[in-house]
Structure formats: C-alpha cells, structure tokens
Full PDB file with SEQRES, HELIX, SHEET, SSBOND, CRYST1, ORIGX, SCALE, CONECT and MASTER records, all heavy atoms in Angstrom:
SEQRES   1 A   39  GLY ASN GLY PHE MET TYR GLU TRP GLY VAL LYS ASP LEU          
SEQRES   2 A   39  ALA GLY GLY ILE VAL VAL HIS ILE THR ALA GLY VAL ALA          
SEQRES   3 A   39  SER LEU VAL ALA SER VAL MET VAL GLY ALA ARG LYS GLY          
HELIX    1 AA1 PHE A    4  TRP A    8  1                                   5    
HELIX    2 AA2 GLY A   16  ILE A   21  3                                   6    
HELIX    3 AA3 THR A   22  VAL A   34  1                                  13    
CRYST1    1.000    1.000    1.000  90.00  90.00  90.00 P 1           1          
ORIGX1      1.000000  0.000000  0.000000        0.00000                         
ORIGX2      0.000000  1.000000  0.000000        0.00000                         
ORIGX3      0.000000  0.000000  1.000000        0.00000                         
SCALE1      1.000000  0.000000  0.000000        0.00000                         
SCALE2      0.000000  1.000000  0.000000        0.00000                         
SCALE3      0.000000  0.000000  1.000000        0.00000                         
ATOM      1  N   GLY A   1     115.187 101.419 126.589  1.00  0.00           N  
ATOM      2  CA  GLY A   1     114.987 102.500 127.540  1.00  0.00           C  
ATOM      3  C   GLY A   1     116.055 103.573 127.524  1.00  0.00           C  
ATOM      4  O   GLY A   1     115.797 104.715 127.936  1.00  0.00           O  
ATOM      5  N   ASN A   2     117.245 103.223 127.041  1.00  0.00           N  
ATOM      6  CA  ASN A   2     118.323 104.232 126.945  1.00  0.00           C  
ATOM      7  C   ASN A   2     118.876 104.335 125.526  1.00  0.00           C  
ATOM      8  O   ASN A   2     119.976 104.845 125.334  1.00  0.00           O  
ATOM      9  CB  ASN A   2     119.447 103.896 127.928  1.00  0.00           C  
ATOM     10  CG  ASN A   2     120.160 102.586 127.578  1.00  0.00           C  
ATOM     11  OD1 ASN A   2     119.569 101.717 126.942  1.00  0.00           O  
ATOM     12  ND2 ASN A   2     121.402 102.452 127.992  1.00  0.00           N  
ATOM     13  N   GLY A   3     118.133 103.856 124.534  1.00  0.00           N  
ATOM     14  CA  GLY A   3     118.562 103.981 123.142  1.00  0.00           C  
ATOM     15  C   GLY A   3     118.646 105.436 122.721  1.00  0.00           C  
ATOM     16  O   GLY A   3     117.842 106.268 123.161  1.00  0.00           O  
ATOM     17  N   PHE A   4     119.597 105.765 121.858  1.00  0.00           N  
ATOM     18  CA  PHE A   4     119.816 107.183 121.551  1.00  0.00           C  
ATOM     19  C   PHE A   4     118.652 107.807 120.780  1.00  0.00           C  
ATOM     20  O   PHE A   4     118.319 108.975 120.971  1.00  0.00           O  
ATOM     21  CB  PHE A   4     121.150 107.389 120.827  1.00  0.00           C  
ATOM     22  CG  PHE A   4     121.212 106.919 119.403  1.00  0.00           C  
ATOM     23  CD1 PHE A   4     120.958 107.790 118.357  1.00  0.00           C  
ATOM     24  CD2 PHE A   4     121.558 105.606 119.101  1.00  0.00           C  
ATOM     25  CE1 PHE A   4     121.031 107.370 117.040  1.00  0.00           C  
ATOM     26  CE2 PHE A   4     121.646 105.180 117.784  1.00  0.00           C  
ATOM     27  CZ  PHE A   4     121.379 106.067 116.743  1.00  0.00           C  
ATOM     28  N   MET A   5     117.966 107.028 119.931  1.00  0.00           N  
ATOM     29  CA  MET A   5     116.795 107.576 119.250  1.00  0.00           C  
ATOM     30  C   MET A   5     115.611 107.706 120.209  1.00  0.00           C  
ATOM     31  O   MET A   5     114.807 108.639 120.096  1.00  0.00           O  
ATOM     32  CB  MET A   5     116.418 106.701 118.058  1.00  0.00           C  
ATOM     33  CG  MET A   5     117.432 106.730 116.924  1.00  0.00           C  
ATOM     34  SD  MET A   5     116.891 105.711 115.521  1.00  0.00           S  
ATOM     35  CE  MET A   5     118.322 105.855 114.439  1.00  0.00           C  
ATOM     36  N   TYR A   6     115.523 106.781 121.138  1.00  0.00           N  
ATOM     37  CA  TYR A   6     114.498 106.880 122.186  1.00  0.00           C  
ATOM     38  C   TYR A   6     114.687 108.160 122.980  1.00  0.00           C  
ATOM     39  O   TYR A   6     113.718 108.865 123.291  1.00  0.00           O  
ATOM     40  CB  TYR A   6     114.597 105.654 123.098  1.00  0.00           C  
ATOM     41  CG  TYR A   6     113.606 105.618 124.228  1.00  0.00           C  
ATOM     42  CD1 TYR A   6     112.341 105.066 124.059  1.00  0.00           C  
ATOM     43  CD2 TYR A   6     113.929 106.142 125.484  1.00  0.00           C  
ATOM     44  CE1 TYR A   6     111.430 105.027 125.103  1.00  0.00           C  
ATOM     45  CE2 TYR A   6     113.025 106.113 126.532  1.00  0.00           C  
ATOM     46  CZ  TYR A   6     111.776 105.554 126.334  1.00  0.00           C  
ATOM     47  OH  TYR A   6     110.878 105.528 127.373  1.00  0.00           O  
ATOM     48  N   GLU A   7     115.930 108.478 123.288  1.00  0.00           N  
ATOM     49  CA  GLU A   7     116.229 109.705 124.031  1.00  0.00           C  
ATOM     50  C   GLU A   7     115.925 110.950 123.199  1.00  0.00           C  
ATOM     51  O   GLU A   7     115.596 112.008 123.750  1.00  0.00           O  
ATOM     52  CB  GLU A   7     117.698 109.710 124.464  1.00  0.00           C  
ATOM     53  CG  GLU A   7     118.068 108.611 125.451  1.00  0.00           C  
ATOM     54  CD  GLU A   7     117.427 108.821 126.814  1.00  0.00           C  
ATOM     55  OE1 GLU A   7     116.983 109.942 127.096  1.00  0.00           O  
ATOM     56  OE2 GLU A   7     117.368 107.849 127.597  1.00  0.00           O  
ATOM     57  N   TRP A   8     116.032 110.846 121.892  1.00  0.00           N  
ATOM     58  CA  TRP A   8     115.668 111.972 121.027  1.00  0.00           C  
ATOM     59  C   TRP A   8     114.175 112.279 121.107  1.00  0.00           C  
ATOM     60  O   TRP A   8     113.745 113.382 120.807  1.00  0.00           O  
ATOM     61  CB  TRP A   8     115.985 111.653 119.571  1.00  0.00           C  
ATOM     62  CG  TRP A   8     117.419 111.630 119.195  1.00  0.00           C  
ATOM     63  CD1 TRP A   8     118.503 111.943 119.970  1.00  0.00           C  
ATOM     64  CD2 TRP A   8     117.945 111.268 117.916  1.00  0.00           C  
ATOM     65  NE1 TRP A   8     119.661 111.798 119.261  1.00  0.00           N  
ATOM     66  CE2 TRP A   8     119.347 111.390 117.989  1.00  0.00           C  
ATOM     67  CE3 TRP A   8     117.369 110.861 116.712  1.00  0.00           C  
ATOM     68  CZ2 TRP A   8     120.183 111.117 116.909  1.00  0.00           C  
ATOM     69  CZ3 TRP A   8     118.201 110.581 115.640  1.00  0.00           C  
ATOM     70  CH2 TRP A   8     119.596 110.714 115.737  1.00  0.00           C  
ATOM     71  N   GLY A   9     113.376 111.259 121.434  1.00  0.00           N  
ATOM     72  CA  GLY A   9     111.928 111.411 121.406  1.00  0.00           C  
ATOM     73  C   GLY A   9     111.311 110.989 120.092  1.00  0.00           C  
ATOM     74  O   GLY A   9     110.240 111.481 119.715  1.00  0.00           O  
ATOM     75  N   VAL A  10     111.956 110.047 119.386  1.00  0.00           N  
ATOM     76  CA  VAL A  10     111.425 109.582 118.110  1.00  0.00           C  
ATOM     77  C   VAL A  10     110.074 108.907 118.324  1.00  0.00           C  
ATOM     78  O   VAL A  10     109.849 108.232 119.343  1.00  0.00           O  
ATOM     79  CB  VAL A  10     112.421 108.614 117.425  1.00  0.00           C  
ATOM     80  CG1 VAL A  10     112.558 107.299 118.199  1.00  0.00           C  
ATOM     81  CG2 VAL A  10     112.016 108.337 115.989  1.00  0.00           C  
ATOM     82  N   LYS A  11     109.163 109.088 117.393  1.00  0.00           N  
ATOM     83  CA  LYS A  11     107.840 108.477 117.468  1.00  0.00           C  
ATOM     84  C   LYS A  11     107.782 107.257 116.549  1.00  0.00           C  
ATOM     85  O   LYS A  11     107.890 107.374 115.330  1.00  0.00           O  
ATOM     86  CB  LYS A  11     106.756 109.489 117.066  1.00  0.00           C  
ATOM     87  CG  LYS A  11     106.600 110.650 118.055  1.00  0.00           C  
ATOM     88  CD  LYS A  11     105.448 111.552 117.655  1.00  0.00           C  
ATOM     89  CE  LYS A  11     105.290 112.697 118.651  1.00  0.00           C  
ATOM     90  NZ  LYS A  11     104.939 112.229 119.998  1.00  0.00           N  
ATOM     91  N   ASP A  12     107.638 106.104 117.151  1.00  0.00           N  
ATOM     92  CA  ASP A  12     107.516 104.853 116.392  1.00  0.00           C  
ATOM     93  C   ASP A  12     106.877 103.816 117.302  1.00  0.00           C  
ATOM     94  O   ASP A  12     107.560 102.982 117.883  1.00  0.00           O  
ATOM     95  CB  ASP A  12     108.885 104.380 115.908  1.00  0.00           C  
ATOM     96  CG  ASP A  12     108.778 103.155 115.008  1.00  0.00           C  
ATOM     97  OD1 ASP A  12     107.650 102.815 114.595  1.00  0.00           O  
ATOM     98  OD2 ASP A  12     109.814 102.526 114.722  1.00  0.00           O  
ATOM     99  N   LEU A  13     105.564 103.887 117.430  1.00  0.00           N  
ATOM    100  CA  LEU A  13     104.888 103.043 118.403  1.00  0.00           C  
ATOM    101  C   LEU A  13     105.144 101.564 118.165  1.00  0.00           C  
ATOM    102  O   LEU A  13     105.507 100.839 119.085  1.00  0.00           O  
ATOM    103  CB  LEU A  13     103.374 103.304 118.387  1.00  0.00           C  
ATOM    104  CG  LEU A  13     102.586 102.398 119.335  1.00  0.00           C  
ATOM    105  CD1 LEU A  13     102.886 102.731 120.792  1.00  0.00           C  
ATOM    106  CD2 LEU A  13     101.090 102.476 119.079  1.00  0.00           C  
ATOM    107  N   ALA A  14     104.964 101.103 116.917  1.00  0.00           N  
ATOM    108  CA  ALA A  14     104.965  99.658 116.688  1.00  0.00           C  
ATOM    109  C   ALA A  14     105.901  99.195 115.577  1.00  0.00           C  
ATOM    110  O   ALA A  14     105.843  98.027 115.186  1.00  0.00           O  
ATOM    111  CB  ALA A  14     103.545  99.181 116.382  1.00  0.00           C  
ATOM    112  N   GLY A  15     106.754 100.096 115.038  1.00  0.00           N  
ATOM    113  CA  GLY A  15     107.770  99.569 114.139  1.00  0.00           C  
ATOM    114  C   GLY A  15     107.839 100.115 112.739  1.00  0.00           C  
ATOM    115  O   GLY A  15     108.251  99.388 111.832  1.00  0.00           O  
ATOM    116  N   GLY A  16     107.452 101.362 112.513  1.00  0.00           N  
ATOM    117  CA  GLY A  16     107.672 101.939 111.187  1.00  0.00           C  
ATOM    118  C   GLY A  16     109.140 101.939 110.840  1.00  0.00           C  
ATOM    119  O   GLY A  16     109.537 101.601 109.717  1.00  0.00           O  
ATOM    120  N   ILE A  17     109.973 102.284 111.813  1.00  0.00           N  
ATOM    121  CA  ILE A  17     111.429 102.259 111.635  1.00  0.00           C  
ATOM    122  C   ILE A  17     111.972 100.864 111.911  1.00  0.00           C  
ATOM    123  O   ILE A  17     112.665 100.274 111.085  1.00  0.00           O  
ATOM    124  CB  ILE A  17     112.110 103.285 112.561  1.00  0.00           C  
ATOM    125  CG1 ILE A  17     111.694 104.707 112.195  1.00  0.00           C  
ATOM    126  CG2 ILE A  17     113.630 103.144 112.505  1.00  0.00           C  
ATOM    127  CD1 ILE A  17     112.155 105.764 113.183  1.00  0.00           C  
ATOM    128  N   VAL A  18     111.631 100.339 113.079  1.00  0.00           N  
ATOM    129  CA  VAL A  18     112.239  99.085 113.557  1.00  0.00           C  
ATOM    130  C   VAL A  18     111.880  97.905 112.656  1.00  0.00           C  
ATOM    131  O   VAL A  18     112.737  97.046 112.378  1.00  0.00           O  
ATOM    132  CB  VAL A  18     111.799  98.801 115.003  1.00  0.00           C  
ATOM    133  CG1 VAL A  18     112.393  97.484 115.495  1.00  0.00           C  
ATOM    134  CG2 VAL A  18     112.227  99.943 115.923  1.00  0.00           C  
ATOM    135  N   VAL A  19     110.651  97.848 112.208  1.00  0.00           N  
ATOM    136  CA  VAL A  19     110.184  96.703 111.419  1.00  0.00           C  
ATOM    137  C   VAL A  19     110.173  97.011 109.921  1.00  0.00           C  
ATOM    138  O   VAL A  19     110.861  96.360 109.123  1.00  0.00           O  
ATOM    139  CB  VAL A  19     108.780  96.259 111.885  1.00  0.00           C  
ATOM    140  CG1 VAL A  19     108.254  95.117 110.997  1.00  0.00           C  
ATOM    141  CG2 VAL A  19     108.808  95.827 113.342  1.00  0.00           C  
ATOM    142  N   HIS A  20     109.394  98.003 109.507  1.00  0.00           N  
ATOM    143  CA  HIS A  20     109.104  98.175 108.082  1.00  0.00           C  
ATOM    144  C   HIS A  20     110.249  98.807 107.295  1.00  0.00           C  
ATOM    145  O   HIS A  20     110.554  98.369 106.175  1.00  0.00           O  
ATOM    146  CB  HIS A  20     107.815  98.969 107.919  1.00  0.00           C  
ATOM    147  CG  HIS A  20     106.624  98.257 108.465  1.00  0.00           C  
ATOM    148  ND1 HIS A  20     106.116  97.106 107.888  1.00  0.00           N  
ATOM    149  CD2 HIS A  20     105.864  98.488 109.560  1.00  0.00           C  
ATOM    150  CE1 HIS A  20     105.085  96.681 108.586  1.00  0.00           C  
ATOM    151  NE2 HIS A  20     104.911  97.495 109.614  1.00  0.00           N  
ATOM    152  N   ILE A  21     110.898  99.815 107.841  1.00  0.00           N  
ATOM    153  CA  ILE A  21     112.011 100.417 107.103  1.00  0.00           C  
ATOM    154  C   ILE A  21     113.178  99.445 107.023  1.00  0.00           C  
ATOM    155  O   ILE A  21     113.780  99.268 105.951  1.00  0.00           O  
ATOM    156  CB  ILE A  21     112.433 101.748 107.747  1.00  0.00           C  
ATOM    157  CG1 ILE A  21     111.360 102.823 107.474  1.00  0.00           C  
ATOM    158  CG2 ILE A  21     113.781 102.216 107.201  1.00  0.00           C  
ATOM    159  CD1 ILE A  21     111.659 104.178 108.087  1.00  0.00           C  
ATOM    160  N   THR A  22     113.516  98.784 108.120  1.00  0.00           N  
ATOM    161  CA  THR A  22     114.627  97.817 108.077  1.00  0.00           C  
ATOM    162  C   THR A  22     114.324  96.687 107.104  1.00  0.00           C  
ATOM    163  O   THR A  22     115.180  96.305 106.297  1.00  0.00           O  
ATOM    164  CB  THR A  22     114.915  97.238 109.468  1.00  0.00           C  
ATOM    165  OG1 THR A  22     113.748  96.579 109.979  1.00  0.00           O  
ATOM    166  CG2 THR A  22     115.374  98.308 110.435  1.00  0.00           C  
ATOM    167  N   ALA A  23     113.100  96.147 107.151  1.00  0.00           N  
ATOM    168  CA  ALA A  23     112.741  95.056 106.240  1.00  0.00           C  
ATOM    169  C   ALA A  23     112.726  95.525 104.795  1.00  0.00           C  
ATOM    170  O   ALA A  23     113.167  94.803 103.890  1.00  0.00           O  
ATOM    171  CB  ALA A  23     111.382  94.485 106.620  1.00  0.00           C  
ATOM    172  N   GLY A  24     112.242  96.748 104.549  1.00  0.00           N  
ATOM    173  CA  GLY A  24     112.192  97.264 103.187  1.00  0.00           C  
ATOM    174  C   GLY A  24     113.564  97.462 102.588  1.00  0.00           C  
ATOM    175  O   GLY A  24     113.815  97.087 101.427  1.00  0.00           O  
ATOM    176  N   VAL A  25     114.484  98.034 103.358  1.00  0.00           N  
ATOM    177  CA  VAL A  25     115.844  98.262 102.854  1.00  0.00           C  
ATOM    178  C   VAL A  25     116.541  96.934 102.616  1.00  0.00           C  
ATOM    179  O   VAL A  25     117.201  96.730 101.579  1.00  0.00           O  
ATOM    180  CB  VAL A  25     116.643  99.132 103.843  1.00  0.00           C  
ATOM    181  CG1 VAL A  25     118.105  99.221 103.413  1.00  0.00           C  
ATOM    182  CG2 VAL A  25     116.039 100.524 103.941  1.00  0.00           C  
ATOM    183  N   ALA A  26     116.424  96.005 103.558  1.00  0.00           N  
ATOM    184  CA  ALA A  26     117.050  94.691 103.386  1.00  0.00           C  
ATOM    185  C   ALA A  26     116.476  93.952 102.183  1.00  0.00           C  
ATOM    186  O   ALA A  26     117.192  93.234 101.472  1.00  0.00           O  
ATOM    187  CB  ALA A  26     116.867  93.856 104.652  1.00  0.00           C  
ATOM    188  N   SER A  27     115.192  94.139 101.931  1.00  0.00           N  
ATOM    189  CA  SER A  27     114.556  93.495 100.776  1.00  0.00           C  
ATOM    190  C   SER A  27     115.102  94.047  99.468  1.00  0.00           C  
ATOM    191  O   SER A  27     115.301  93.295  98.502  1.00  0.00           O  
ATOM    192  CB  SER A  27     113.037  93.702 100.835  1.00  0.00           C  
ATOM    193  OG  SER A  27     112.487  93.054 101.957  1.00  0.00           O  
ATOM    194  N   LEU A  28     115.330  95.340  99.418  1.00  0.00           N  
ATOM    195  CA  LEU A  28     115.916  95.930  98.218  1.00  0.00           C  
ATOM    196  C   LEU A  28     117.306  95.359  97.960  1.00  0.00           C  
ATOM    197  O   LEU A  28     117.642  94.970  96.830  1.00  0.00           O  
ATOM    198  CB  LEU A  28     115.986  97.449  98.368  1.00  0.00           C  
ATOM    199  CG  LEU A  28     116.638  98.222  97.226  1.00  0.00           C  
ATOM    200  CD1 LEU A  28     115.876  98.009  95.923  1.00  0.00           C  
ATOM    201  CD2 LEU A  28     116.724  99.715  97.564  1.00  0.00           C  
ATOM    202  N   VAL A  29     118.120  95.289  99.003  1.00  0.00           N  
ATOM    203  CA  VAL A  29     119.473  94.733  98.877  1.00  0.00           C  
ATOM    204  C   VAL A  29     119.404  93.274  98.429  1.00  0.00           C  
ATOM    205  O   VAL A  29     120.119  92.848  97.510  1.00  0.00           O  
ATOM    206  CB  VAL A  29     120.224  94.855 100.209  1.00  0.00           C  
ATOM    207  CG1 VAL A  29     121.559  94.110 100.149  1.00  0.00           C  
ATOM    208  CG2 VAL A  29     120.460  96.322 100.568  1.00  0.00           C  
ATOM    209  N   ALA A  30     118.536  92.492  99.074  1.00  0.00           N  
ATOM    210  CA  ALA A  30     118.453  91.070  98.761  1.00  0.00           C  
ATOM    211  C   ALA A  30     117.962  90.830  97.338  1.00  0.00           C  
ATOM    212  O   ALA A  30     118.477  89.958  96.631  1.00  0.00           O  
ATOM    213  CB  ALA A  30     117.528  90.374  99.760  1.00  0.00           C  
ATOM    214  N   SER A  31     116.968  91.589  96.902  1.00  0.00           N  
ATOM    215  CA  SER A  31     116.435  91.383  95.553  1.00  0.00           C  
ATOM    216  C   SER A  31     117.495  91.665  94.494  1.00  0.00           C  
ATOM    217  O   SER A  31     117.528  91.003  93.447  1.00  0.00           O  
ATOM    218  CB  SER A  31     115.208  92.271  95.326  1.00  0.00           C  
ATOM    219  OG  SER A  31     115.544  93.643  95.367  1.00  0.00           O  
ATOM    220  N   VAL A  32     118.359  92.628  94.757  1.00  0.00           N  
ATOM    221  CA  VAL A  32     119.429  92.955  93.807  1.00  0.00           C  
ATOM    222  C   VAL A  32     120.547  91.926  93.863  1.00  0.00           C  
ATOM    223  O   VAL A  32     121.020  91.448  92.822  1.00  0.00           O  
ATOM    224  CB  VAL A  32     119.981  94.367  94.087  1.00  0.00           C  
ATOM    225  CG1 VAL A  32     121.221  94.642  93.239  1.00  0.00           C  
ATOM    226  CG2 VAL A  32     118.911  95.423  93.816  1.00  0.00           C  
ATOM    227  N   MET A  33     120.975  91.557  95.072  1.00  0.00           N  
ATOM    228  CA  MET A  33     122.125  90.660  95.200  1.00  0.00           C  
ATOM    229  C   MET A  33     121.790  89.212  94.863  1.00  0.00           C  
ATOM    230  O   MET A  33     122.617  88.483  94.325  1.00  0.00           O  
ATOM    231  CB  MET A  33     122.713  90.763  96.605  1.00  0.00           C  
ATOM    232  CG  MET A  33     123.375  92.109  96.887  1.00  0.00           C  
ATOM    233  SD  MET A  33     124.249  92.174  98.457  1.00  0.00           S  
ATOM    234  CE  MET A  33     125.542  90.944  98.199  1.00  0.00           C  
ATOM    235  N   VAL A  34     120.573  88.772  95.172  1.00  0.00           N  
ATOM    236  CA  VAL A  34     120.174  87.404  94.796  1.00  0.00           C  
ATOM    237  C   VAL A  34     119.920  87.330  93.299  1.00  0.00           C  
ATOM    238  O   VAL A  34     120.178  86.321  92.653  1.00  0.00           O  
ATOM    239  CB  VAL A  34     118.922  86.972  95.584  1.00  0.00           C  
ATOM    240  CG1 VAL A  34     118.422  85.606  95.096  1.00  0.00           C  
ATOM    241  CG2 VAL A  34     119.233  86.901  97.073  1.00  0.00           C  
ATOM    242  N   GLY A  35     119.426  88.420  92.728  1.00  0.00           N  
ATOM    243  CA  GLY A  35     119.155  88.461  91.297  1.00  0.00           C  
ATOM    244  C   GLY A  35     117.697  88.196  90.995  1.00  0.00           C  
ATOM    245  O   GLY A  35     116.956  87.641  91.808  1.00  0.00           O  
ATOM    246  N   ALA A  36     117.291  88.590  89.815  1.00  0.00           N  
ATOM    247  CA  ALA A  36     115.886  88.464  89.418  1.00  0.00           C  
ATOM    248  C   ALA A  36     115.521  87.031  89.073  1.00  0.00           C  
ATOM    249  O   ALA A  36     116.380  86.206  88.737  1.00  0.00           O  
ATOM    250  CB  ALA A  36     115.627  89.363  88.214  1.00  0.00           C  
ATOM    251  N   ARG A  37     114.223  86.741  89.169  1.00  0.00           N  
ATOM    252  CA  ARG A  37     113.723  85.451  88.698  1.00  0.00           C  
ATOM    253  C   ARG A  37     113.926  85.327  87.187  1.00  0.00           C  
ATOM    254  O   ARG A  37     113.979  86.335  86.476  1.00  0.00           O  
ATOM    255  CB  ARG A  37     112.233  85.321  89.024  1.00  0.00           C  
ATOM    256  CG  ARG A  37     111.905  85.187  90.497  1.00  0.00           C  
ATOM    257  CD  ARG A  37     110.439  85.390  90.776  1.00  0.00           C  
ATOM    258  NE  ARG A  37     110.038  86.788  90.558  1.00  0.00           N  
ATOM    259  CZ  ARG A  37     108.808  87.236  90.717  1.00  0.00           C  
ATOM    260  NH1 ARG A  37     107.832  86.412  91.078  1.00  0.00           N  
ATOM    261  NH2 ARG A  37     108.523  88.521  90.500  1.00  0.00           N  
ATOM    262  N   LYS A  38     114.056  84.122  86.731  1.00  0.00           N  
ATOM    263  CA  LYS A  38     114.250  83.881  85.304  1.00  0.00           C  
ATOM    264  C   LYS A  38     113.073  84.437  84.500  1.00  0.00           C  
ATOM    265  O   LYS A  38     111.926  84.119  84.770  1.00  0.00           O  
ATOM    266  CB  LYS A  38     114.408  82.376  85.026  1.00  0.00           C  
ATOM    267  CG  LYS A  38     115.624  81.741  85.692  1.00  0.00           C  
ATOM    268  CD  LYS A  38     116.912  82.364  85.198  1.00  0.00           C  
ATOM    269  CE  LYS A  38     118.137  81.738  85.875  1.00  0.00           C  
ATOM    270  NZ  LYS A  38     119.396  82.389  85.472  1.00  0.00           N  
ATOM    271  N   GLY A  39     113.381  85.305  83.566  1.00  0.00           N  
ATOM    272  CA  GLY A  39     112.355  85.887  82.724  1.00  0.00           C  
ATOM    273  C   GLY A  39     111.914  87.273  83.138  1.00  0.00           C  
ATOM    274  O   GLY A  39     111.183  87.939  82.386  1.00  0.00           O  
TER     275      GLY A  39                                                      
MASTER        0    0    0    3    0    0    0    6  274    1    0    3          
END                                                                             
C-alpha cells in the first residue's frame, strides 16, 4: 500500500514485474551459475 512503485502508479495487476520478470532474471543467473547440462 505504500510501496514506492505503487505510489508511482505502476500497472501490474497480477505479477508481470513481481512474478515473471523476477523469475526470468533469476533463471538466467541460475542457468549460467549452475552450468549447462552435460552435452
């Protein structure tokens, strides 16, 4: 209710930023740091 992006008026009803962007960025980091599957 008092988050700074909420106060900006950001539009994100169900999680484009909160869910999908955070998960996507973390997935990129994890795939690189864990390393590729063999082959």
